[in-house]
Amino acid sequence: MLLETAIILALASSALEMAIMAKAPTVRKVATKWPLTGVAMSFSLSYLTGLAFGAAGLTVMVAGITSTVITAPYYMVASWWKKRKALNTSSLVVALPVAT
């Protein structure tokens, strides 16, 4: 029963975190720049979600760890995408012909 509760809390927290990342570009920039911010946000959202549903202790801890494992690839892809986008933009500027 506790494991099912932790999994549901982790999924709810992950969905909430990804929704916040999609809607708040400032939070997304901070989280992709400093990865530990994303981990802290994941744990805090799991804790707050646990409080909202009346969970505590080990259940919230397992949900926090699971939520972090779920959202870690999202942060890695977001960071990679940002670097890729910056690389493509800079190479595009260099490749443009200069009018004399």
N, C-alpha and C. Protein backbone atom coordinates (compact mmCIF):
# COMPACT_ATOMS: atom_id res chain seq x y z
N MET A 1 0.82 -1.19 0.00
CA MET A 1 0.00 0.00 0.00
C MET A 1 0.86 1.26 0.00
N LEU A 2 1.93 1.24 0.79
CA LEU A 2 2.81 2.41 0.84
C LEU A 2 3.54 2.63 -0.49
N LEU A 3 3.93 1.53 -1.13
CA LEU A 3 4.62 1.65 -2.41
C LEU A 3 3.71 2.23 -3.48
N GLU A 4 2.47 1.80 -3.51
CA GLU A 4 1.52 2.35 -4.49
C GLU A 4 1.30 3.83 -4.25
N THR A 5 1.19 4.21 -2.99
CA THR A 5 1.01 5.63 -2.65
C THR A 5 2.24 6.43 -3.07
N ALA A 6 3.43 5.90 -2.84
CA ALA A 6 4.65 6.60 -3.22
C ALA A 6 4.74 6.75 -4.73
N ILE A 7 4.36 5.72 -5.46
CA ILE A 7 4.40 5.81 -6.93
C ILE A 7 3.41 6.84 -7.45
N ILE A 8 2.21 6.85 -6.89
CA ILE A 8 1.21 7.84 -7.31
C ILE A 8 1.68 9.25 -6.98
N LEU A 9 2.25 9.45 -5.80
CA LEU A 9 2.79 10.76 -5.43
C LEU A 9 3.93 11.17 -6.35
N ALA A 10 4.80 10.22 -6.70
CA ALA A 10 5.92 10.53 -7.59
C ALA A 10 5.42 10.94 -8.98
N LEU A 11 4.43 10.22 -9.49
CA LEU A 11 3.89 10.58 -10.81
C LEU A 11 3.20 11.93 -10.77
N ALA A 12 2.45 12.20 -9.71
CA ALA A 12 1.77 13.50 -9.59
C ALA A 12 2.78 14.62 -9.45
N SER A 13 3.81 14.41 -8.66
CA SER A 13 4.85 15.42 -8.48
C SER A 13 5.62 15.66 -9.77
N SER A 14 5.93 14.59 -10.50
CA SER A 14 6.64 14.74 -11.77
C SER A 14 5.80 15.49 -12.79
N ALA A 15 4.52 15.17 -12.86
CA ALA A 15 3.64 15.87 -13.79
C ALA A 15 3.53 17.35 -13.42
N LEU A 16 3.42 17.63 -12.14
CA LEU A 16 3.35 19.02 -11.68
C LEU A 16 4.64 19.76 -11.99
N GLU A 17 5.76 19.10 -11.76
CA GLU A 17 7.06 19.73 -12.03
C GLU A 17 7.25 20.02 -13.52
N MET A 18 6.89 19.07 -14.37
CA MET A 18 7.02 19.31 -15.81
C MET A 18 6.05 20.38 -16.29
N ALA A 19 4.88 20.48 -15.69
CA ALA A 19 3.94 21.54 -16.04
C ALA A 19 4.50 22.90 -15.64
N ILE A 20 5.12 22.96 -14.46
CA ILE A 20 5.75 24.22 -14.03
C ILE A 20 6.88 24.59 -14.98
N MET A 21 7.67 23.61 -15.38
CA MET A 21 8.77 23.88 -16.31
C MET A 21 8.25 24.38 -17.67
N ALA A 22 7.14 23.85 -18.10
CA ALA A 22 6.58 24.26 -19.40
C ALA A 22 6.00 25.66 -19.34
N LYS A 23 5.44 26.04 -18.19
CA LYS A 23 4.75 27.32 -18.09
C LYS A 23 5.62 28.46 -17.57
N ALA A 24 6.69 28.16 -16.86
CA ALA A 24 7.53 29.19 -16.24
C ALA A 24 8.95 29.14 -16.81
N PRO A 25 9.25 29.96 -17.81
CA PRO A 25 10.58 29.90 -18.42
C PRO A 25 11.71 30.30 -17.46
N THR A 26 11.43 31.15 -16.49
CA THR A 26 12.47 31.55 -15.54
C THR A 26 12.89 30.36 -14.68
N VAL A 27 11.93 29.59 -14.22
CA VAL A 27 12.24 28.41 -13.42
C VAL A 27 12.99 27.39 -14.27
N ARG A 28 12.59 27.25 -15.52
CA ARG A 28 13.27 26.31 -16.42
C ARG A 28 14.71 26.71 -16.64
N LYS A 29 14.97 28.01 -16.82
CA LYS A 29 16.35 28.48 -17.02
C LYS A 29 17.21 28.21 -15.80
N VAL A 30 16.67 28.48 -14.62
CA VAL A 30 17.43 28.24 -13.39
C VAL A 30 17.69 26.75 -13.21
N ALA A 31 16.69 25.93 -13.46
CA ALA A 31 16.84 24.48 -13.25
C ALA A 31 17.81 23.86 -14.25
N THR A 32 17.85 24.36 -15.48
CA THR A 32 18.80 23.80 -16.45
C THR A 32 20.20 24.33 -16.23
N LYS A 33 20.31 25.53 -15.64
CA LYS A 33 21.64 26.09 -15.38
C LYS A 33 22.28 25.43 -14.16
N TRP A 34 21.51 25.23 -13.11
CA TRP A 34 22.00 24.60 -11.88
C TRP A 34 21.19 23.33 -11.62
N PRO A 35 21.72 22.17 -11.95
CA PRO A 35 20.96 20.92 -11.83
C PRO A 35 20.49 20.60 -10.41
N LEU A 36 21.22 21.03 -9.39
CA LEU A 36 20.79 20.74 -8.02
C LEU A 36 19.50 21.48 -7.67
N THR A 37 19.23 22.57 -8.37
CA THR A 37 17.98 23.28 -8.16
C THR A 37 16.81 22.40 -8.58
N GLY A 38 16.97 21.68 -9.68
CA GLY A 38 15.94 20.76 -10.14
C GLY A 38 15.70 19.64 -9.16
N VAL A 39 16.77 19.13 -8.58
CA VAL A 39 16.64 18.06 -7.58
C VAL A 39 15.92 18.59 -6.34
N ALA A 40 16.30 19.78 -5.89
CA ALA A 40 15.65 20.37 -4.72
C ALA A 40 14.18 20.65 -5.00
N MET A 41 13.89 21.12 -6.20
CA MET A 41 12.49 21.38 -6.55
C MET A 41 11.70 20.08 -6.61
N SER A 42 12.30 19.04 -7.13
CA SER A 42 11.63 17.76 -7.21
C SER A 42 11.29 17.22 -5.82
N PHE A 43 12.27 17.29 -4.91
CA PHE A 43 12.01 16.82 -3.55
C PHE A 43 10.97 17.68 -2.85
N SER A 44 11.07 19.00 -3.02
CA SER A 44 10.11 19.87 -2.34
C SER A 44 8.70 19.69 -2.88
N LEU A 45 8.56 19.50 -4.19
CA LEU A 45 7.23 19.26 -4.75
C LEU A 45 6.67 17.91 -4.28
N SER A 46 7.52 16.92 -4.14
CA SER A 46 7.07 15.63 -3.61
C SER A 46 6.61 15.78 -2.17
N TYR A 47 7.34 16.58 -1.39
CA TYR A 47 6.95 16.81 -0.01
C TYR A 47 5.61 17.54 0.06
N LEU A 48 5.46 18.60 -0.74
CA LEU A 48 4.21 19.36 -0.73
C LEU A 48 3.04 18.53 -1.24
N THR A 49 3.28 17.71 -2.25
CA THR A 49 2.23 16.82 -2.75
C THR A 49 1.87 15.79 -1.68
N GLY A 50 2.87 15.30 -0.97
CA GLY A 50 2.61 14.37 0.13
C GLY A 50 1.79 15.00 1.24
N LEU A 51 2.09 16.26 1.55
CA LEU A 51 1.29 16.97 2.56
C LEU A 51 -0.15 17.14 2.10
N ALA A 52 -0.32 17.43 0.82
CA ALA A 52 -1.67 17.64 0.29
C ALA A 52 -2.50 16.36 0.37
N PHE A 53 -1.86 15.20 0.23
CA PHE A 53 -2.59 13.94 0.26
C PHE A 53 -2.46 13.20 1.58
N GLY A 54 -1.84 13.84 2.57
CA GLY A 54 -1.75 13.23 3.89
C GLY A 54 -0.70 12.15 4.04
N ALA A 55 0.30 12.13 3.19
CA ALA A 55 1.38 11.15 3.31
C ALA A 55 2.54 11.76 4.09
N ALA A 56 3.36 10.92 4.69
CA ALA A 56 4.50 11.41 5.46
C ALA A 56 5.57 10.33 5.53
N GLY A 57 6.76 10.75 5.96
CA GLY A 57 7.84 9.83 6.25
C GLY A 57 8.41 9.11 5.04
N LEU A 58 8.47 7.81 5.15
CA LEU A 58 9.09 6.97 4.13
C LEU A 58 8.37 7.08 2.78
N THR A 59 7.07 7.24 2.81
CA THR A 59 6.31 7.35 1.56
C THR A 59 6.74 8.58 0.78
N VAL A 60 6.87 9.70 1.45
CA VAL A 60 7.28 10.94 0.79
C VAL A 60 8.73 10.85 0.33
N MET A 61 9.58 10.20 1.12
CA MET A 61 10.98 10.06 0.72
C MET A 61 11.10 9.21 -0.54
N VAL A 62 10.39 8.10 -0.59
CA VAL A 62 10.42 7.25 -1.79
C VAL A 62 9.83 8.00 -2.98
N ALA A 63 8.76 8.75 -2.74
CA ALA A 63 8.17 9.53 -3.83
C ALA A 63 9.13 10.60 -4.34
N GLY A 64 9.86 11.24 -3.44
CA GLY A 64 10.84 12.24 -3.84
C GLY A 64 11.96 11.67 -4.68
N ILE A 65 12.47 10.52 -4.26
CA ILE A 65 13.55 9.87 -5.01
C ILE A 65 13.04 9.41 -6.37
N THR A 66 11.86 8.81 -6.40
CA THR A 66 11.29 8.34 -7.67
C THR A 66 10.99 9.50 -8.60
N SER A 67 10.47 10.59 -8.06
CA SER A 67 10.18 11.77 -8.88
C SER A 67 11.46 12.36 -9.47
N THR A 68 12.52 12.37 -8.67
CA THR A 68 13.80 12.87 -9.17
C THR A 68 14.33 11.97 -10.28
N VAL A 69 14.19 10.67 -10.12
CA VAL A 69 14.64 9.74 -11.17
C VAL A 69 13.81 9.92 -12.44
N ILE A 70 12.54 10.21 -12.29
CA ILE A 70 11.67 10.41 -13.46
C ILE A 70 12.02 11.71 -14.18
N THR A 71 12.26 12.79 -13.42
CA THR A 71 12.46 14.09 -14.05
C THR A 71 13.91 14.38 -14.43
N ALA A 72 14.87 13.60 -13.94
CA ALA A 72 16.27 13.83 -14.28
C ALA A 72 16.52 13.77 -15.79
N PRO A 73 15.97 12.79 -16.52
CA PRO A 73 16.16 12.79 -17.97
C PRO A 73 15.56 14.03 -18.64
N TYR A 74 14.47 14.56 -18.08
CA TYR A 74 13.88 15.78 -18.64
C TYR A 74 14.87 16.93 -18.55
N TYR A 75 15.55 17.09 -17.41
CA TYR A 75 16.53 18.15 -17.26
C TYR A 75 17.73 17.94 -18.18
N MET A 76 18.15 16.69 -18.35
CA MET A 76 19.28 16.41 -19.24
C MET A 76 18.92 16.74 -20.68
N VAL A 77 17.72 16.39 -21.11
CA VAL A 77 17.29 16.69 -22.48
C VAL A 77 17.14 18.20 -22.66
N ALA A 78 16.59 18.88 -21.65
CA ALA A 78 16.42 20.33 -21.76
C ALA A 78 17.78 21.03 -21.85
N SER A 79 18.75 20.58 -21.08
CA SER A 79 20.09 21.15 -21.13
C SER A 79 20.75 20.86 -22.47
N TRP A 80 20.61 19.63 -22.95
CA TRP A 80 21.17 19.27 -24.26
C TRP A 80 20.52 20.09 -25.36
N TRP A 81 19.21 20.27 -25.29
CA TRP A 81 18.49 21.02 -26.31
C TRP A 81 18.95 22.48 -26.34
N LYS A 82 19.18 23.05 -25.15
CA LYS A 82 19.64 24.43 -25.06
C LYS A 82 21.02 24.57 -25.70
N LYS A 83 21.93 23.64 -25.41
CA LYS A 83 23.27 23.68 -26.00
C LYS A 83 23.20 23.47 -27.50
N ARG A 84 22.36 22.56 -27.95
CA ARG A 84 22.21 22.27 -29.37
C ARG A 84 21.66 23.48 -30.12
N LYS A 85 20.68 24.12 -29.52
CA LYS A 85 20.08 25.29 -30.13
C LYS A 85 21.09 26.43 -30.23
N ALA A 86 21.89 26.63 -29.18
CA ALA A 86 22.92 27.68 -29.20
C ALA A 86 23.99 27.36 -30.24
N LEU A 87 24.35 26.10 -30.37
CA LEU A 87 25.35 25.70 -31.35
C LEU A 87 24.85 25.92 -32.77
N ASN A 88 23.62 25.55 -33.05
CA ASN A 88 23.06 25.74 -34.38
C ASN A 88 22.89 27.20 -34.73
N THR A 89 22.54 28.03 -33.77
CA THR A 89 22.38 29.46 -34.03
C THR A 89 23.71 30.11 -34.32
N SER A 90 24.75 29.76 -33.56
CA SER A 90 26.05 30.37 -33.78
C SER A 90 26.65 29.91 -35.11
N SER A 91 26.43 28.65 -35.48
CA SER A 91 26.97 28.18 -36.75
C SER A 91 26.20 28.80 -37.91
N LEU A 92 24.94 29.11 -37.71
CA LEU A 92 24.14 29.76 -38.74
C LEU A 92 24.66 31.17 -39.01
N VAL A 93 25.02 31.88 -37.96
CA VAL A 93 25.55 33.24 -38.11
C VAL A 93 26.87 33.23 -38.83
N VAL A 94 27.73 32.28 -38.52
CA VAL A 94 29.04 32.18 -39.15
C VAL A 94 28.89 31.81 -40.62
N ALA A 95 27.90 31.02 -40.98
CA ALA A 95 27.74 30.53 -42.33
C ALA A 95 27.10 31.55 -43.27
N LEU A 96 26.56 32.64 -42.74
CA LEU A 96 25.91 33.62 -43.60
C LEU A 96 26.94 34.39 -44.40
N PRO A 97 26.68 34.64 -45.69
CA PRO A 97 27.64 35.41 -46.49
C PRO A 97 27.62 36.89 -46.07
N VAL A 98 28.77 37.52 -46.19
CA VAL A 98 28.90 38.92 -45.82
C VAL A 98 28.85 39.75 -47.10
N ALA A 99 27.95 40.73 -47.12
CA ALA A 99 27.83 41.62 -48.29
C ALA A 99 28.87 42.72 -48.21
N THR A 100 29.57 42.95 -49.32
CA THR A 100 30.58 44.01 -49.32
C THR A 100 30.19 45.14 -50.23
